[in-house]
Amino acid sequence: MGGFLGEAYLWVKSLHILAVIAWMAAFLYLPRLFVYHCQAEVGSAQSETFKVMERRLLRAIMTPSMIVAWLAGLGLAAHLEAWTEGWFHAKLTLLVILTGLHMAAAGWRRAFAEDNNRHSERFYRVMNEVPALLMVGIVILAVVKPF
């Protein structure tokens, strides 16, 4: 197999898929933790436990898997020479939105860590659905390549 990655293409593709799975699993769990954290009294043992869980999830799984997904994905895009494809531009747009949401979630985590959350349970319930919707669009664009 030729191209930018040569024989490593399938390994990079596997790494990309694994990283995306880890990123999305964490992304679907973190806002759910925020929902439960809203219900915990500030300063309580439960609130402090949520702070640890949220920090570890974001720093140990979510952010590293996002970085690996991006790097492997850019390698795959270079290999496929996808830069001029419409489906790739649309997918990249959704990924930028997802990455922005990732950064927002990091900010929400920081606010909880400082006992300064300003959002409701309902807000986090809605935010729990957004990554899944973006994921659907991204997967369809990557697999079907509709344009």
C-alpha atoms as a PDB file:
ATOM      1  CA  MET A   1       0.000   0.000   0.000  1.00  0.00           C
ATOM      2  CA  GLY A   2       1.452   3.359  -1.037  1.00  0.00           C
ATOM      3  CA  GLY A   3       0.723   6.854   0.168  1.00  0.00           C
ATOM      4  CA  PHE A   4       1.998   8.919   3.032  1.00  0.00           C
ATOM      5  CA  LEU A   5       1.676   6.157   5.648  1.00  0.00           C
ATOM      6  CA  GLY A   6       2.564   3.194   3.455  1.00  0.00           C
ATOM      7  CA  GLU A   7       2.303  -0.097   5.318  1.00  0.00           C
ATOM      8  CA  ALA A   8       1.484   1.706   8.587  1.00  0.00           C
ATOM      9  CA  TYR A   9      -1.895   2.881   7.252  1.00  0.00           C
ATOM     10  CA  LEU A  10      -3.968   0.116   8.880  1.00  0.00           C
ATOM     11  CA  TRP A  11      -2.118   0.546  12.192  1.00  0.00           C
ATOM     12  CA  VAL A  12      -2.742   4.289  12.184  1.00  0.00           C
ATOM     13  CA  LYS A  13      -6.374   3.717  11.232  1.00  0.00           C
ATOM     14  CA  SER A  14      -6.750   1.267  14.139  1.00  0.00           C
ATOM     15  CA  LEU A  15      -5.126   3.736  16.525  1.00  0.00           C
ATOM     16  CA  HIS A  16      -7.457   6.458  15.281  1.00  0.00           C
ATOM     17  CA  ILE A  17     -10.569   4.314  15.831  1.00  0.00           C
ATOM     18  CA  LEU A  18      -9.439   3.294  19.330  1.00  0.00           C
ATOM     19  CA  ALA A  19      -8.682   6.900  20.272  1.00  0.00           C
ATOM     20  CA  VAL A  20     -12.055   8.088  18.957  1.00  0.00           C
ATOM     21  CA  ILE A  21     -13.847   5.377  20.953  1.00  0.00           C
ATOM     22  CA  ALA A  22     -12.021   6.411  24.140  1.00  0.00           C
ATOM     23  CA  TRP A  23     -12.625  10.118  23.489  1.00  0.00           C
ATOM     24  CA  MET A  24     -16.327   9.641  22.842  1.00  0.00           C
ATOM     25  CA  ALA A  25     -16.829   7.287  25.807  1.00  0.00           C
ATOM     26  CA  ALA A  26     -15.285   9.894  28.096  1.00  0.00           C
ATOM     27  CA  PHE A  27     -17.187  12.680  26.359  1.00  0.00           C
ATOM     28  CA  LEU A  28     -20.491  10.905  26.907  1.00  0.00           C
ATOM     29  CA  TYR A  29     -19.675  10.291  30.582  1.00  0.00           C
ATOM     30  CA  LEU A  30     -18.251  13.656  31.708  1.00  0.00           C
ATOM     31  CA  PRO A  31     -21.447  15.719  31.244  1.00  0.00           C
ATOM     32  CA  ARG A  32     -23.366  12.939  33.029  1.00  0.00           C
ATOM     33  CA  LEU A  33     -20.985  13.365  35.976  1.00  0.00           C
ATOM     34  CA  PHE A  34     -21.736  17.089  35.856  1.00  0.00           C
ATOM     35  CA  VAL A  35     -25.476  16.320  36.099  1.00  0.00           C
ATOM     36  CA  TYR A  36     -24.875  14.307  39.263  1.00  0.00           C
ATOM     37  CA  HIS A  37     -22.381  16.851  40.583  1.00  0.00           C
ATOM     38  CA  CYS A  38     -25.088  19.531  40.384  1.00  0.00           C
ATOM     39  CA  GLN A  39     -27.111  17.462  42.840  1.00  0.00           C
ATOM     40  CA  ALA A  40     -24.261  17.257  45.386  1.00  0.00           C
ATOM     41  CA  GLU A  41     -23.965  19.881  48.088  1.00  0.00           C
ATOM     42  CA  VAL A  42     -20.928  22.143  47.670  1.00  0.00           C
ATOM     43  CA  GLY A  43     -18.137  21.006  50.000  1.00  0.00           C
ATOM     44  CA  SER A  44     -19.696  17.599  50.645  1.00  0.00           C
ATOM     45  CA  ALA A  45     -17.718  14.379  50.390  1.00  0.00           C
ATOM     46  CA  GLN A  46     -19.818  13.483  47.352  1.00  0.00           C
ATOM     47  CA  SER A  47     -18.931  16.765  45.625  1.00  0.00           C
ATOM     48  CA  GLU A  48     -15.239  16.238  46.333  1.00  0.00           C
ATOM     49  CA  THR A  49     -15.437  12.705  44.904  1.00  0.00           C
ATOM     50  CA  PHE A  50     -17.020  14.052  41.729  1.00  0.00           C
ATOM     51  CA  LYS A  51     -14.193  16.587  41.422  1.00  0.00           C
ATOM     52  CA  VAL A  52     -11.607  13.783  41.486  1.00  0.00           C
ATOM     53  CA  MET A  53     -13.567  11.650  39.009  1.00  0.00           C
ATOM     54  CA  GLU A  54     -14.053  14.552  36.596  1.00  0.00           C
ATOM     55  CA  ARG A  55     -10.405  15.633  36.735  1.00  0.00           C
ATOM     56  CA  ARG A  56      -9.089  12.115  36.178  1.00  0.00           C
ATOM     57  CA  LEU A  57     -11.520  11.403  33.348  1.00  0.00           C
ATOM     58  CA  LEU A  58     -10.616  14.623  31.547  1.00  0.00           C
ATOM     59  CA  ARG A  59      -6.854  14.509  32.088  1.00  0.00           C
ATOM     60  CA  ALA A  60      -6.131  10.782  31.892  1.00  0.00           C
ATOM     61  CA  ILE A  61      -8.576   9.665  29.193  1.00  0.00           C
ATOM     62  CA  MET A  62     -10.487  12.406  27.414  1.00  0.00           C
ATOM     63  CA  THR A  63      -7.746  14.879  26.509  1.00  0.00           C
ATOM     64  CA  PRO A  64      -5.030  12.316  25.621  1.00  0.00           C
ATOM     65  CA  SER A  65      -7.465  10.346  23.453  1.00  0.00           C
ATOM     66  CA  MET A  66      -8.582  13.556  21.709  1.00  0.00           C
ATOM     67  CA  ILE A  67      -4.954  14.400  20.904  1.00  0.00           C
ATOM     68  CA  VAL A  68      -4.239  10.913  19.558  1.00  0.00           C
ATOM     69  CA  ALA A  69      -7.483  10.943  17.528  1.00  0.00           C
ATOM     70  CA  TRP A  70      -6.519  14.282  15.965  1.00  0.00           C
ATOM     71  CA  LEU A  71      -2.935  13.265  15.179  1.00  0.00           C
ATOM     72  CA  ALA A  72      -3.864   9.886  13.740  1.00  0.00           C
ATOM     73  CA  GLY A  73      -6.787  11.435  11.862  1.00  0.00           C
ATOM     74  CA  LEU A  74      -4.591  14.084  10.282  1.00  0.00           C
ATOM     75  CA  GLY A  75      -2.166  11.327   9.268  1.00  0.00           C
ATOM     76  CA  LEU A  76      -5.013   9.426   7.646  1.00  0.00           C
ATOM     77  CA  ALA A  77      -6.229  12.570   5.884  1.00  0.00           C
ATOM     78  CA  ALA A  78      -2.740  13.144   4.493  1.00  0.00           C
ATOM     79  CA  HIS A  79      -2.536   9.523   3.373  1.00  0.00           C
ATOM     80  CA  LEU A  80      -5.929   9.745   1.629  1.00  0.00           C
ATOM     81  CA  GLU A  81      -5.200  13.234   0.282  1.00  0.00           C
ATOM     82  CA  ALA A  82      -8.606  14.237   1.602  1.00  0.00           C
ATOM     83  CA  TRP A  83      -7.841  17.967   1.890  1.00  0.00           C
ATOM     84  CA  THR A  84      -9.913  18.901  -1.180  1.00  0.00           C
ATOM     85  CA  GLU A  85     -12.913  16.651  -0.506  1.00  0.00           C
ATOM     86  CA  GLY A  86     -16.218  18.213   0.554  1.00  0.00           C
ATOM     87  CA  TRP A  87     -17.002  15.431   3.030  1.00  0.00           C
ATOM     88  CA  PHE A  88     -13.639  16.039   4.703  1.00  0.00           C
ATOM     89  CA  HIS A  89     -14.288  19.775   5.085  1.00  0.00           C
ATOM     90  CA  ALA A  90     -17.679  19.038   6.655  1.00  0.00           C
ATOM     91  CA  LYS A  91     -16.167  16.402   8.951  1.00  0.00           C
ATOM     92  CA  LEU A  92     -13.362  18.760   9.947  1.00  0.00           C
ATOM     93  CA  THR A  93     -15.919  21.466  10.770  1.00  0.00           C
ATOM     94  CA  LEU A  94     -17.801  19.084  13.077  1.00  0.00           C
ATOM     95  CA  LEU A  95     -14.511  18.026  14.674  1.00  0.00           C
ATOM     96  CA  VAL A  96     -13.575  21.638  15.370  1.00  0.00           C
ATOM     97  CA  ILE A  97     -16.979  22.124  17.023  1.00  0.00           C
ATOM     98  CA  LEU A  98     -16.459  18.927  19.050  1.00  0.00           C
ATOM     99  CA  THR A  99     -13.004  20.105  20.100  1.00  0.00           C
ATOM    100  CA  GLY A 100     -14.468  23.457  21.152  1.00  0.00           C
ATOM    101  CA  LEU A 101     -17.045  21.583  23.202  1.00  0.00           C
ATOM    102  CA  HIS A 102     -14.195  19.569  24.739  1.00  0.00           C
ATOM    103  CA  MET A 103     -12.553  22.837  25.805  1.00  0.00           C
ATOM    104  CA  ALA A 104     -15.859  24.106  27.184  1.00  0.00           C
ATOM    105  CA  ALA A 105     -16.228  20.882  29.198  1.00  0.00           C
ATOM    106  CA  ALA A 106     -12.742  21.440  30.611  1.00  0.00           C
ATOM    107  CA  GLY A 107     -13.887  24.901  31.689  1.00  0.00           C
ATOM    108  CA  TRP A 108     -17.024  23.499  33.297  1.00  0.00           C
ATOM    109  CA  ARG A 109     -14.870  20.973  35.160  1.00  0.00           C
ATOM    110  CA  ARG A 110     -12.640  23.783  36.378  1.00  0.00           C
ATOM    111  CA  ALA A 111     -15.705  25.713  37.595  1.00  0.00           C
ATOM    112  CA  PHE A 112     -16.896  22.682  39.560  1.00  0.00           C
ATOM    113  CA  ALA A 113     -13.377  22.258  41.002  1.00  0.00           C
ATOM    114  CA  GLU A 114     -13.565  25.869  42.233  1.00  0.00           C
ATOM    115  CA  ASP A 115     -17.134  25.388  43.555  1.00  0.00           C
ATOM    116  CA  ASN A 116     -18.249  27.947  40.994  1.00  0.00           C
ATOM    117  CA  ASN A 117     -20.599  26.015  38.697  1.00  0.00           C
ATOM    118  CA  ARG A 118     -23.040  28.365  36.982  1.00  0.00           C
ATOM    119  CA  HIS A 119     -25.086  25.854  34.978  1.00  0.00           C
ATOM    120  CA  SER A 120     -28.130  23.746  35.787  1.00  0.00           C
ATOM    121  CA  GLU A 121     -28.634  20.010  35.661  1.00  0.00           C
ATOM    122  CA  ARG A 122     -30.765  20.554  32.553  1.00  0.00           C
ATOM    123  CA  PHE A 123     -27.923  22.367  30.803  1.00  0.00           C
ATOM    124  CA  TYR A 124     -25.606  19.405  31.374  1.00  0.00           C
ATOM    125  CA  ARG A 125     -28.300  16.948  30.304  1.00  0.00           C
ATOM    126  CA  VAL A 126     -28.516  18.785  26.973  1.00  0.00           C
ATOM    127  CA  MET A 127     -24.713  19.010  26.711  1.00  0.00           C
ATOM    128  CA  ASN A 128     -24.601  15.262  27.279  1.00  0.00           C
ATOM    129  CA  GLU A 129     -26.413  14.764  23.950  1.00  0.00           C
ATOM    130  CA  VAL A 130     -24.431  17.166  21.769  1.00  0.00           C
ATOM    131  CA  PRO A 131     -21.259  15.021  21.412  1.00  0.00           C
ATOM    132  CA  ALA A 132     -23.391  12.038  20.354  1.00  0.00           C
ATOM    133  CA  LEU A 133     -25.101  14.093  17.646  1.00  0.00           C
ATOM    134  CA  LEU A 134     -21.769  15.410  16.383  1.00  0.00           C
ATOM    135  CA  MET A 135     -20.385  11.852  16.416  1.00  0.00           C
ATOM    136  CA  VAL A 136     -23.250  10.637  14.200  1.00  0.00           C
ATOM    137  CA  GLY A 137     -22.498  13.335  11.642  1.00  0.00           C
ATOM    138  CA  ILE A 138     -18.756  12.699  11.762  1.00  0.00           C
ATOM    139  CA  VAL A 139     -19.106   8.933  11.300  1.00  0.00           C
ATOM    140  CA  ILE A 140     -21.553   9.303   8.413  1.00  0.00           C
ATOM    141  CA  LEU A 141     -19.264  11.791   6.681  1.00  0.00           C
ATOM    142  CA  ALA A 142     -16.186   9.601   7.173  1.00  0.00           C
ATOM    143  CA  VAL A 143     -17.796   6.341   6.089  1.00  0.00           C
ATOM    144  CA  VAL A 144     -20.365   7.344   3.456  1.00  0.00           C
ATOM    145  CA  LYS A 145     -18.485  10.380   2.084  1.00  0.00           C
ATOM    146  CA  PRO A 146     -21.775  11.753   0.679  1.00  0.00           C
ATOM    147  CA  PHE A 147     -20.153  14.617  -1.262  1.00  0.00           C
END
